Each structure stands twice: as structure tokens, then as C-alpha cells.
PDB file of N, CA and C in Angstrom:
ATOM      1  N   MET A   1      42.926 130.575 123.413  1.00  0.00           N
ATOM      2  CA  MET A   1      42.878 129.616 124.233  1.00  0.00           C
ATOM      3  C   MET A   1      43.169 129.160 126.134  1.00  0.00           C
ATOM      4  N   PHE A   2      44.547 129.551 125.382  1.00  0.00           N
ATOM      5  CA  PHE A   2      45.434 129.633 127.164  1.00  0.00           C
ATOM      6  C   PHE A   2      45.166 130.814 127.877  1.00  0.00           C
ATOM      7  N   VAL A   3      45.391 132.283 126.748  1.00  0.00           N
ATOM      8  CA  VAL A   3      45.011 133.573 127.572  1.00  0.00           C
ATOM      9  C   VAL A   3      43.391 132.941 128.545  1.00  0.00           C
ATOM     10  N   HIS A   4      42.418 132.348 127.848  1.00  0.00           N
ATOM     11  CA  HIS A   4      41.437 132.322 128.246  1.00  0.00           C
ATOM     12  C   HIS A   4      41.454 131.835 129.641  1.00  0.00           C
ATOM     13  N   LYS A   5      42.026 130.564 129.635  1.00  0.00           N
ATOM     14  CA  LYS A   5      42.646 129.996 131.319  1.00  0.00           C
ATOM     15  C   LYS A   5      42.966 130.589 131.900  1.00  0.00           C
ATOM     16  N   GLN A   6      44.256 131.535 131.823  1.00  0.00           N
ATOM     17  CA  GLN A   6      44.500 132.014 132.289  1.00  0.00           C
ATOM     18  C   GLN A   6      43.591 133.114 133.272  1.00  0.00           C
ATOM     19  N   LEU A   7      43.113 133.113 132.546  1.00  0.00           N
ATOM     20  CA  LEU A   7      42.008 134.911 132.930  1.00  0.00           C
ATOM     21  C   LEU A   7      41.151 133.857 134.069  1.00  0.00           C
ATOM     22  N   GLU A   8      40.852 132.998 133.807  1.00  0.00           N
ATOM     23  CA  GLU A   8      39.808 132.171 134.451  1.00  0.00           C
ATOM     24  C   GLU A   8      40.132 131.840 136.088  1.00  0.00           C
ATOM     25  N   CYS A   9      41.439 131.749 135.455  1.00  0.00           N
ATOM     26  CA  CYS A   9      42.129 131.231 136.807  1.00  0.00           C
ATOM     27  C   CYS A   9      42.113 132.103 138.266  1.00  0.00           C
ATOM     28  N   ALA A  10      42.502 133.557 136.979  1.00  0.00           N
ATOM     29  CA  ALA A  10      43.065 134.972 137.840  1.00  0.00           C
ATOM     30  C   ALA A  10      41.844 134.984 138.934  1.00  0.00           C
ATOM     31  N   ILE A  11      40.563 135.390 138.047  1.00  0.00           N
ATOM     32  CA  ILE A  11      39.370 135.361 138.180  1.00  0.00           C
ATOM     33  C   ILE A  11      38.550 134.342 139.726  1.00  0.00           C
ATOM     34  N   LEU A  12      39.239 133.381 139.560  1.00  0.00           N
ATOM     35  CA  LEU A  12      39.006 132.511 140.478  1.00  0.00           C
ATOM     36  C   LEU A  12      40.237 132.668 141.612  1.00  0.00           C
ATOM     37  N   ILE A  13      41.207 133.227 141.695  1.00  0.00           N
ATOM     38  CA  ILE A  13      41.997 133.557 142.651  1.00  0.00           C
ATOM     39  C   ILE A  13      41.846 134.583 143.689  1.00  0.00           C
ATOM     40  N   PHE A  14      41.320 135.588 142.382  1.00  0.00           N
ATOM     41  CA  PHE A  14      40.715 136.715 143.119  1.00  0.00           C
ATOM     42  C   PHE A  14      39.492 137.294 144.340  1.00  0.00           C
ATOM     43  N   ASN A  15      38.547 136.209 143.642  1.00  0.00           N
ATOM     44  CA  ASN A  15      37.163 135.323 144.040  1.00  0.00           C
ATOM     45  C   ASN A  15      37.306 135.015 145.254  1.00  0.00           C
ATOM     46  N   ILE A  16      38.359 134.001 145.759  1.00  0.00           N
ATOM     47  CA  ILE A  16      39.014 132.770 146.668  1.00  0.00           C
ATOM     48  C   ILE A  16      39.211 134.795 147.984  1.00  0.00           C
ATOM     49  N   MET A  17      40.492 135.324 147.245  1.00  0.00           N
ATOM     50  CA  MET A  17      40.876 136.573 147.892  1.00  0.00           C
ATOM     51  C   MET A  17      40.201 137.296 148.908  1.00  0.00           C
ATOM     52  N   LYS A  18      38.964 137.525 147.945  1.00  0.00           N
ATOM     53  CA  LYS A  18      37.814 138.589 148.071  1.00  0.00           C
ATOM     54  C   LYS A  18      37.223 138.045 149.040  1.00  0.00           C
ATOM     55  N   THR A  19      36.780 136.879 149.082  1.00  0.00           N
ATOM     56  CA  THR A  19      35.570 136.143 150.406  1.00  0.00           C
ATOM     57  C   THR A  19      36.534 135.236 150.847  1.00  0.00           C
ATOM     58  N   LYS A  20      37.191 135.554 152.002  1.00  0.00           N
ATOM     59  CA  LYS A  20      37.633 134.919 152.963  1.00  0.00           C
ATOM     60  C   LYS A  20      36.277 134.405 153.481  1.00  0.00           C
ATOM     61  N   THR A  21      37.041 133.794 154.616  1.00  0.00           N
ATOM     62  CA  THR A  21      35.498 132.911 155.003  1.00  0.00           C
ATOM     63  C   THR A  21      36.203 133.354 156.623  1.00  0.00           C
ATOM     64  N   LYS A  22      35.615 133.761 157.313  1.00  0.00           N
ATOM     65  CA  LYS A  22      35.263 133.726 158.559  1.00  0.00           C
ATOM     66  C   LYS A  22      35.471 132.857 159.914  1.00  0.00           C
ATOM     67  N   ILE A  23      35.273 132.113 160.491  1.00  0.00           N
ATOM     68  CA  ILE A  23      35.467 130.815 161.576  1.00  0.00           C
ATOM     69  C   ILE A  23      34.609 131.990 162.137  1.00  0.00           C
ATOM     70  N   SER A  24      33.281 130.594 162.932  1.00  0.00           N
ATOM     71  CA  SER A  24      32.518 131.139 163.532  1.00  0.00           C
ATOM     72  C   SER A  24      32.719 130.544 164.727  1.00  0.00           C
ATOM     73  N   MET A  25      31.870 130.432 165.706  1.00  0.00           N
ATOM     74  CA  MET A  25      31.543 129.924 167.079  1.00  0.00           C
ATOM     75  C   MET A  25      31.401 128.537 166.859  1.00  0.00           C
ATOM     76  N   MET A  26      30.476 128.518 165.353  1.00  0.00           N
ATOM     77  CA  MET A  26      29.404 127.057 164.934  1.00  0.00           C
ATOM     78  C   MET A  26      31.033 126.433 165.064  1.00  0.00           C
ATOM     79  N   ASP A  27      31.403 126.909 163.756  1.00  0.00           N
ATOM     80  CA  ASP A  27      33.153 126.402 163.374  1.00  0.00           C
ATOM     81  C   ASP A  27      33.092 125.470 164.199  1.00  0.00           C
ATOM     82  N   ILE A  28      33.774 126.289 165.170  1.00  0.00           N
ATOM     83  CA  ILE A  28      34.568 125.847 166.557  1.00  0.00           C
ATOM     84  C   ILE A  28      33.748 124.677 167.043  1.00  0.00           C
ATOM     85  N   PHE A  29      32.470 124.976 167.612  1.00  0.00           N
ATOM     86  CA  PHE A  29      32.059 123.299 168.050  1.00  0.00           C
ATOM     87  C   PHE A  29      31.469 122.588 167.280  1.00  0.00           C
ATOM     88  N   LYS A  30      32.091 122.370 166.107  1.00  0.00           N
ATOM     89  CA  LYS A  30      31.717 121.601 165.466  1.00  0.00           C
ATOM     90  C   LYS A  30      33.100 120.135 165.304  1.00  0.00           C
ATOM     91  N   ASN A  31      34.234 121.297 165.446  1.00  0.00           N
ATOM     92  CA  ASN A  31      35.452 120.913 165.442  1.00  0.00           C
ATOM     93  C   ASN A  31      35.783 119.871 166.639  1.00  0.00           C
ATOM     94  N   PRO A  32      35.903 118.956 166.592  1.00  0.00           N
ATOM     95  CA  PRO A  32      35.948 117.677 167.804  1.00  0.00           C
ATOM     96  C   PRO A  32      37.415 118.184 168.491  1.00  0.00           C
ATOM     97  N   ARG A  33      39.293 118.524 167.547  1.00  0.00           N
ATOM     98  CA  ARG A  33      39.816 119.232 168.596  1.00  0.00           C
ATOM     99  C   ARG A  33      39.710 119.993 169.386  1.00  0.00           C
ATOM    100  N   TYR A  34      38.693 120.821 169.600  1.00  0.00           N
ATOM    101  CA  TYR A  34      38.642 121.342 170.899  1.00  0.00           C
ATOM    102  C   TYR A  34      37.979 121.201 172.150  1.00  0.00           C
ATOM    103  N   ARG A  35      37.030 119.498 172.264  1.00  0.00           N
ATOM    104  CA  ARG A  35      36.573 119.180 172.644  1.00  0.00           C
ATOM    105  C   ARG A  35      37.163 118.760 174.151  1.00  0.00           C
ATOM    106  N   GLY A  36      36.606 119.698 175.387  1.00  0.00           N
ATOM    107  CA  GLY A  36      36.850 119.810 176.555  1.00  0.00           C
ATOM    108  C   GLY A  36      38.361 120.706 176.728  1.00  0.00           C
ATOM    109  N   LYS A  37      38.211 121.558 175.949  1.00  0.00           N
ATOM    110  CA  LYS A  37      38.709 122.854 175.889  1.00  0.00           C
ATOM    111  C   LYS A  37      38.626 124.220 176.275  1.00  0.00           C
ATOM    112  N   HIS A  38      39.170 125.122 177.033  1.00  0.00           N
ATOM    113  CA  HIS A  38      38.112 126.486 176.524  1.00  0.00           C
ATOM    114  C   HIS A  38      38.699 127.353 175.469  1.00  0.00           C
ATOM    115  N   VAL A  39      38.016 127.643 174.464  1.00  0.00           N
ATOM    116  CA  VAL A  39      38.280 128.338 173.453  1.00  0.00           C
ATOM    117  C   VAL A  39      38.042 129.673 173.594  1.00  0.00           C
ATOM    118  N   ILE A  40      38.523 130.962 172.860  1.00  0.00           N
ATOM    119  CA  ILE A  40      38.283 132.301 172.782  1.00  0.00           C
ATOM    120  C   ILE A  40      38.895 132.203 171.494  1.00  0.00           C
ATOM    121  N   LEU A  41      37.592 132.876 170.595  1.00  0.00           N
ATOM    122  CA  LEU A  41      37.318 133.218 169.088  1.00  0.00           C
ATOM    123  C   LEU A  41      37.862 135.212 169.254  1.00  0.00           C
ATOM    124  N   ALA A  42      38.560 135.628 168.700  1.00  0.00           N
ATOM    125  CA  ALA A  42      38.520 136.778 168.320  1.00  0.00           C
ATOM    126  C   ALA A  42      40.174 137.528 166.972  1.00  0.00           C
ATOM    127  N   ALA A  43      39.583 138.040 166.975  1.00  0.00           N
ATOM    128  CA  ALA A  43      40.163 138.730 165.215  1.00  0.00           C
ATOM    129  C   ALA A  43      40.207 137.447 164.625  1.00  0.00           C
ATOM    130  N   GLY A  44      39.211 136.979 164.214  1.00  0.00           N
ATOM    131  CA  GLY A  44      39.734 136.015 162.763  1.00  0.00           C
ATOM    132  C   GLY A  44      40.298 134.518 163.413  1.00  0.00           C
ATOM    133  N   LYS A  45      40.769 134.475 165.217  1.00  0.00           N
ATOM    134  CA  LYS A  45      41.244 133.144 165.555  1.00  0.00           C
ATOM    135  C   LYS A  45      41.069 132.787 166.374  1.00  0.00           C
ATOM    136  N   VAL A  46      41.808 131.755 166.925  1.00  0.00           N
ATOM    137  CA  VAL A  46      41.355 130.572 167.541  1.00  0.00           C
ATOM    138  C   VAL A  46      42.071 130.937 168.263  1.00  0.00           C
ATOM    139  N   TYR A  47      42.279 131.075 170.008  1.00  0.00           N
ATOM    140  CA  TYR A  47      42.416 129.969 170.993  1.00  0.00           C
ATOM    141  C   TYR A  47      42.380 129.084 172.049  1.00  0.00           C
ATOM    142  N   SER A  48      42.851 128.562 172.581  1.00  0.00           N
ATOM    143  CA  SER A  48      42.338 127.055 172.745  1.00  0.00           C
ATOM    144  C   SER A  48      43.258 127.406 174.505  1.00  0.00           C
ATOM    145  N   ALA A  49      42.709 126.742 176.129  1.00  0.00           N
ATOM    146  CA  ALA A  49      43.192 126.349 176.879  1.00  0.00           C
ATOM    147  C   ALA A  49      42.765 124.726 177.411  1.00  0.00           C
ATOM    148  N   LYS A  50      43.267 124.197 179.022  1.00  0.00           N
ATOM    149  CA  LYS A  50      43.123 123.342 178.974  1.00  0.00           C
ATOM    150  C   LYS A  50      42.312 124.324 180.343  1.00  0.00           C
ATOM    151  N   THR A  51      42.597 125.315 181.158  1.00  0.00           N
ATOM    152  CA  THR A  51      42.366 125.265 182.288  1.00  0.00           C
ATOM    153  C   THR A  51      41.871 126.375 182.269  1.00  0.00           C
ATOM    154  N   GLY A  52      40.847 127.004 183.002  1.00  0.00           N
ATOM    155  CA  GLY A  52      40.504 128.181 182.955  1.00  0.00           C
ATOM    156  C   GLY A  52      40.795 129.506 183.322  1.00  0.00           C
ATOM    157  N   GLU A  53      42.285 128.702 184.256  1.00  0.00           N
ATOM    158  CA  GLU A  53      43.357 129.902 184.213  1.00  0.00           C
ATOM    159  C   GLU A  53      44.278 130.278 182.929  1.00  0.00           C
ATOM    160  N   GLY A  54      44.312 129.442 182.088  1.00  0.00           N
ATOM    161  CA  GLY A  54      45.196 129.084 181.208  1.00  0.00           C
ATOM    162  C   GLY A  54      44.482 130.550 179.917  1.00  0.00           C
ATOM    163  N   ALA A  55      43.095 129.711 179.879  1.00  0.00           N
ATOM    164  CA  ALA A  55      41.986 130.960 179.208  1.00  0.00           C
ATOM    165  C   ALA A  55      42.167 132.347 179.647  1.00  0.00           C
ATOM    166  N   ALA A  56      42.328 132.500 181.218  1.00  0.00           N
ATOM    167  CA  ALA A  56      42.224 133.834 181.333  1.00  0.00           C
ATOM    168  C   ALA A  56      43.360 134.506 181.184  1.00  0.00           C
ATOM    169  N   GLU A  57      44.585 134.136 180.954  1.00  0.00           N
ATOM    170  CA  GLU A  57      46.203 134.570 180.829  1.00  0.00           C
ATOM    171  C   GLU A  57      45.870 135.044 179.496  1.00  0.00           C
ATOM    172  N   ILE A  58      45.204 134.009 178.395  1.00  0.00           N
ATOM    173  CA  ILE A  58      45.304 134.188 176.820  1.00  0.00           C
ATOM    174  C   ILE A  58      44.060 135.564 176.771  1.00  0.00           C
ATOM    175  N   LEU A  59      43.107 134.758 177.222  1.00  0.00           N
ATOM    176  CA  LEU A  59      42.425 136.309 177.590  1.00  0.00           C
ATOM    177  C   LEU A  59      43.028 137.660 177.571  1.00  0.00           C
ATOM    178  N   LYS A  60      43.340 138.090 178.500  1.00  0.00           N
ATOM    179  CA  LYS A  60      44.308 139.241 178.843  1.00  0.00           C
ATOM    180  C   LYS A  60      45.091 139.595 177.677  1.00  0.00           C
ATOM    181  N   LYS A  61      46.407 138.500 176.918  1.00  0.00           N
ATOM    182  CA  LYS A  61      46.508 138.702 175.927  1.00  0.00           C
ATOM    183  C   LYS A  61      46.528 139.587 174.763  1.00  0.00           C
ATOM    184  N   VAL A  62      44.956 138.434 174.535  1.00  0.00           N
ATOM    185  CA  VAL A  62      43.945 138.734 173.758  1.00  0.00           C
ATOM    186  C   VAL A  62      43.336 140.555 173.480  1.00  0.00           C
ATOM    187  N   ARG A  63      42.926 140.847 174.427  1.00  0.00           N
ATOM    188  CA  ARG A  63      42.327 141.907 174.903  1.00  0.00           C
ATOM    189  C   ARG A  63      43.580 143.066 175.068  1.00  0.00           C
ATOM    190  N   LYS A  64      44.699 142.982 175.295  1.00  0.00           N
ATOM    191  CA  LYS A  64      45.623 143.586 174.676  1.00  0.00           C
ATOM    192  C   LYS A  64      46.090 143.721 174.014  1.00  0.00           C
ATOM    193  N   GLN A  65      45.819 142.982 173.274  1.00  0.00           N
ATOM    194  CA  GLN A  65      46.643 142.405 171.587  1.00  0.00           C
ATOM    195  C   GLN A  65      45.677 143.276 170.826  1.00  0.00           C
ATOM    196  N   HIS A  66      44.532 142.837 170.834  1.00  0.00           N
ATOM    197  CA  HIS A  66      42.620 143.516 169.992  1.00  0.00           C
ATOM    198  C   HIS A  66      42.338 145.109 171.054  1.00  0.00           C
ATOM    199  N   PRO A  67      42.290 144.995 171.453  1.00  0.00           N
ATOM    200  CA  PRO A  67      41.481 146.371 172.520  1.00  0.00           C
ATOM    201  C   PRO A  67      39.832 146.830 172.045  1.00  0.00           C
ATOM    202  N   ASN A  68      39.557 146.982 170.630  1.00  0.00           N
ATOM    203  CA  ASN A  68      38.111 147.191 170.193  1.00  0.00           C
ATOM    204  C   ASN A  68      37.530 146.112 169.684  1.00  0.00           C
ATOM    205  N   VAL A  69      38.096 144.789 169.872  1.00  0.00           N
ATOM    206  CA  VAL A  69      37.673 143.573 169.694  1.00  0.00           C
ATOM    207  C   VAL A  69      36.934 142.491 170.639  1.00  0.00           C
ATOM    208  N   THR A  70      35.445 142.555 170.682  1.00  0.00           N
ATOM    209  CA  THR A  70      34.860 141.790 171.256  1.00  0.00           C
ATOM    210  C   THR A  70      35.529 139.948 171.432  1.00  0.00           C
ATOM    211  N   PRO A  71      36.263 139.056 172.352  1.00  0.00           N
ATOM    212  CA  PRO A  71      35.947 137.835 172.338  1.00  0.00           C
ATOM    213  C   PRO A  71      35.129 137.298 172.776  1.00  0.00           C
ATOM    214  N   GLU A  72      35.095 136.192 172.144  1.00  0.00           N
ATOM    215  CA  GLU A  72      33.502 135.010 172.072  1.00  0.00           C
ATOM    216  C   GLU A  72      34.333 134.032 173.213  1.00  0.00           C
ATOM    217  N   VAL A  73      33.941 133.711 174.128  1.00  0.00           N
ATOM    218  CA  VAL A  73      34.848 132.769 175.240  1.00  0.00           C
ATOM    219  C   VAL A  73      33.533 131.025 174.937  1.00  0.00           C
ATOM    220  N   ALA A  74      34.231 130.126 175.254  1.00  0.00           N
ATOM    221  CA  ALA A  74      33.422 128.980 175.754  1.00  0.00           C
ATOM    222  C   ALA A  74      34.157 127.791 176.111  1.00  0.00           C
ATOM    223  N   TYR A  75      33.384 126.868 176.825  1.00  0.00           N
ATOM    224  CA  TYR A  75      34.029 125.879 176.985  1.00  0.00           C
ATOM    225  C   TYR A  75      33.160 124.627 176.515  1.00  0.00           C
ATOM    226  N   LEU A  76      33.940 123.950 176.018  1.00  0.00           N
ATOM    227  CA  LEU A  76      33.327 122.656 174.623  1.00  0.00           C
ATOM    228  C   LEU A  76      33.692 121.717 175.584  1.00  0.00           C
ATOM    229  N   PRO A  77      32.420 120.822 176.513  1.00  0.00           N
ATOM    230  CA  PRO A  77      32.543 119.512 177.314  1.00  0.00           C
ATOM    231  C   PRO A  77      33.156 118.155 176.267  1.00  0.00           C
ATOM    232  N   LYS A  78      33.433 117.906 176.800  1.00  0.00           N
ATOM    233  CA  LYS A  78      34.011 115.831 176.231  1.00  0.00           C
ATOM    234  C   LYS A  78      32.427 116.185 175.915  1.00  0.00           C
ATOM    235  N   ALA A  79      32.826 114.769 174.880  1.00  0.00           N
ATOM    236  CA  ALA A  79      31.757 114.344 174.535  1.00  0.00           C
ATOM    237  C   ALA A  79      31.083 113.114 175.728  1.00  0.00           C
ATOM    238  N   HIS A  80      29.543 113.296 175.483  1.00  0.00           N
ATOM    239  CA  HIS A  80      28.680 112.315 176.640  1.00  0.00           C
ATOM    240  C   HIS A  80      29.403 113.014 177.808  1.00  0.00           C
ATOM    241  N   SER A  81      28.910 114.533 178.026  1.00  0.00           N
ATOM    242  CA  SER A  81      29.331 114.465 178.898  1.00  0.00           C
ATOM    243  C   SER A  81      28.356 115.824 179.806  1.00  0.00           C
ATOM    244  N   LEU A  82      28.070 115.959 181.089  1.00  0.00           N
ATOM    245  CA  LEU A  82      26.255 116.785 181.749  1.00  0.00           C
ATOM    246  C   LEU A  82      26.674 117.727 182.314  1.00  0.00           C
ATOM    247  N   ILE A  83      26.467 119.144 182.200  1.00  0.00           N
ATOM    248  CA  ILE A  83      26.786 119.674 182.982  1.00  0.00           C
ATOM    249  C   ILE A  83      25.798 120.424 183.900  1.00  0.00           C
ATOM    250  N   LEU A  84      25.414 120.252 184.917  1.00  0.00           N
ATOM    251  CA  LEU A  84      24.706 120.543 185.706  1.00  0.00           C
ATOM    252  C   LEU A  84      24.823 122.453 186.308  1.00  0.00           C
ATOM    253  N   TRP A  85      23.996 123.329 186.682  1.00  0.00           N
ATOM    254  CA  TRP A  85      24.053 124.009 187.202  1.00  0.00           C
ATOM    255  C   TRP A  85      23.271 124.896 188.111  1.00  0.00           C
ATOM    256  N   MET A  86      22.983 125.323 189.029  1.00  0.00           N
ATOM    257  CA  MET A  86      22.012 125.736 189.617  1.00  0.00           C
ATOM    258  C   MET A  86      21.213 127.319 189.910  1.00  0.00           C
TER     259      MET A  86
END
């Protein structure tokens, strides 16, 4: 019985490692931590900046580190803010 439990645990750990969950922009949108920030998602990592200039610097670094990856860039407004454009 003890060996059976060890085998079950090993299979569970293998399945968890095999099915690494990838973070998506929808996960970031749901997280209140990123409200009011510019967010860059590339190669499974999340980068954030308070200003557009900071985001541009991070984007340059990300493109150098991961030249074959297309980063996703977004600004998440603070709650109850209105964005107008023409």
C-alpha cells in the first residue's frame, strides 16, 4: 500500500510538471496588482511599468533577450477610469 501511494504521488507530480500552465493576458487583466500599469507579456513572463517610457525600455530589453517571441503589450487602467480616443 505504501508503494502504491508513492506511485500515485509520483504520477501526480509528473502530470503537474508536464502541464505547466501558461499565463495569458486574460489572467493579467483579472489581477488587480497590474491596475494603472503598462504590462508586457513575453516568453511566459510578466513585466510591468508605471510609465510608457518605462514600458518602452522594458520592451527593448525583452526584444533583445527573446528575439523570436512576439511580446503582448497592454495598459490596464485603474478601476473606474474612462479612456476616450478619437
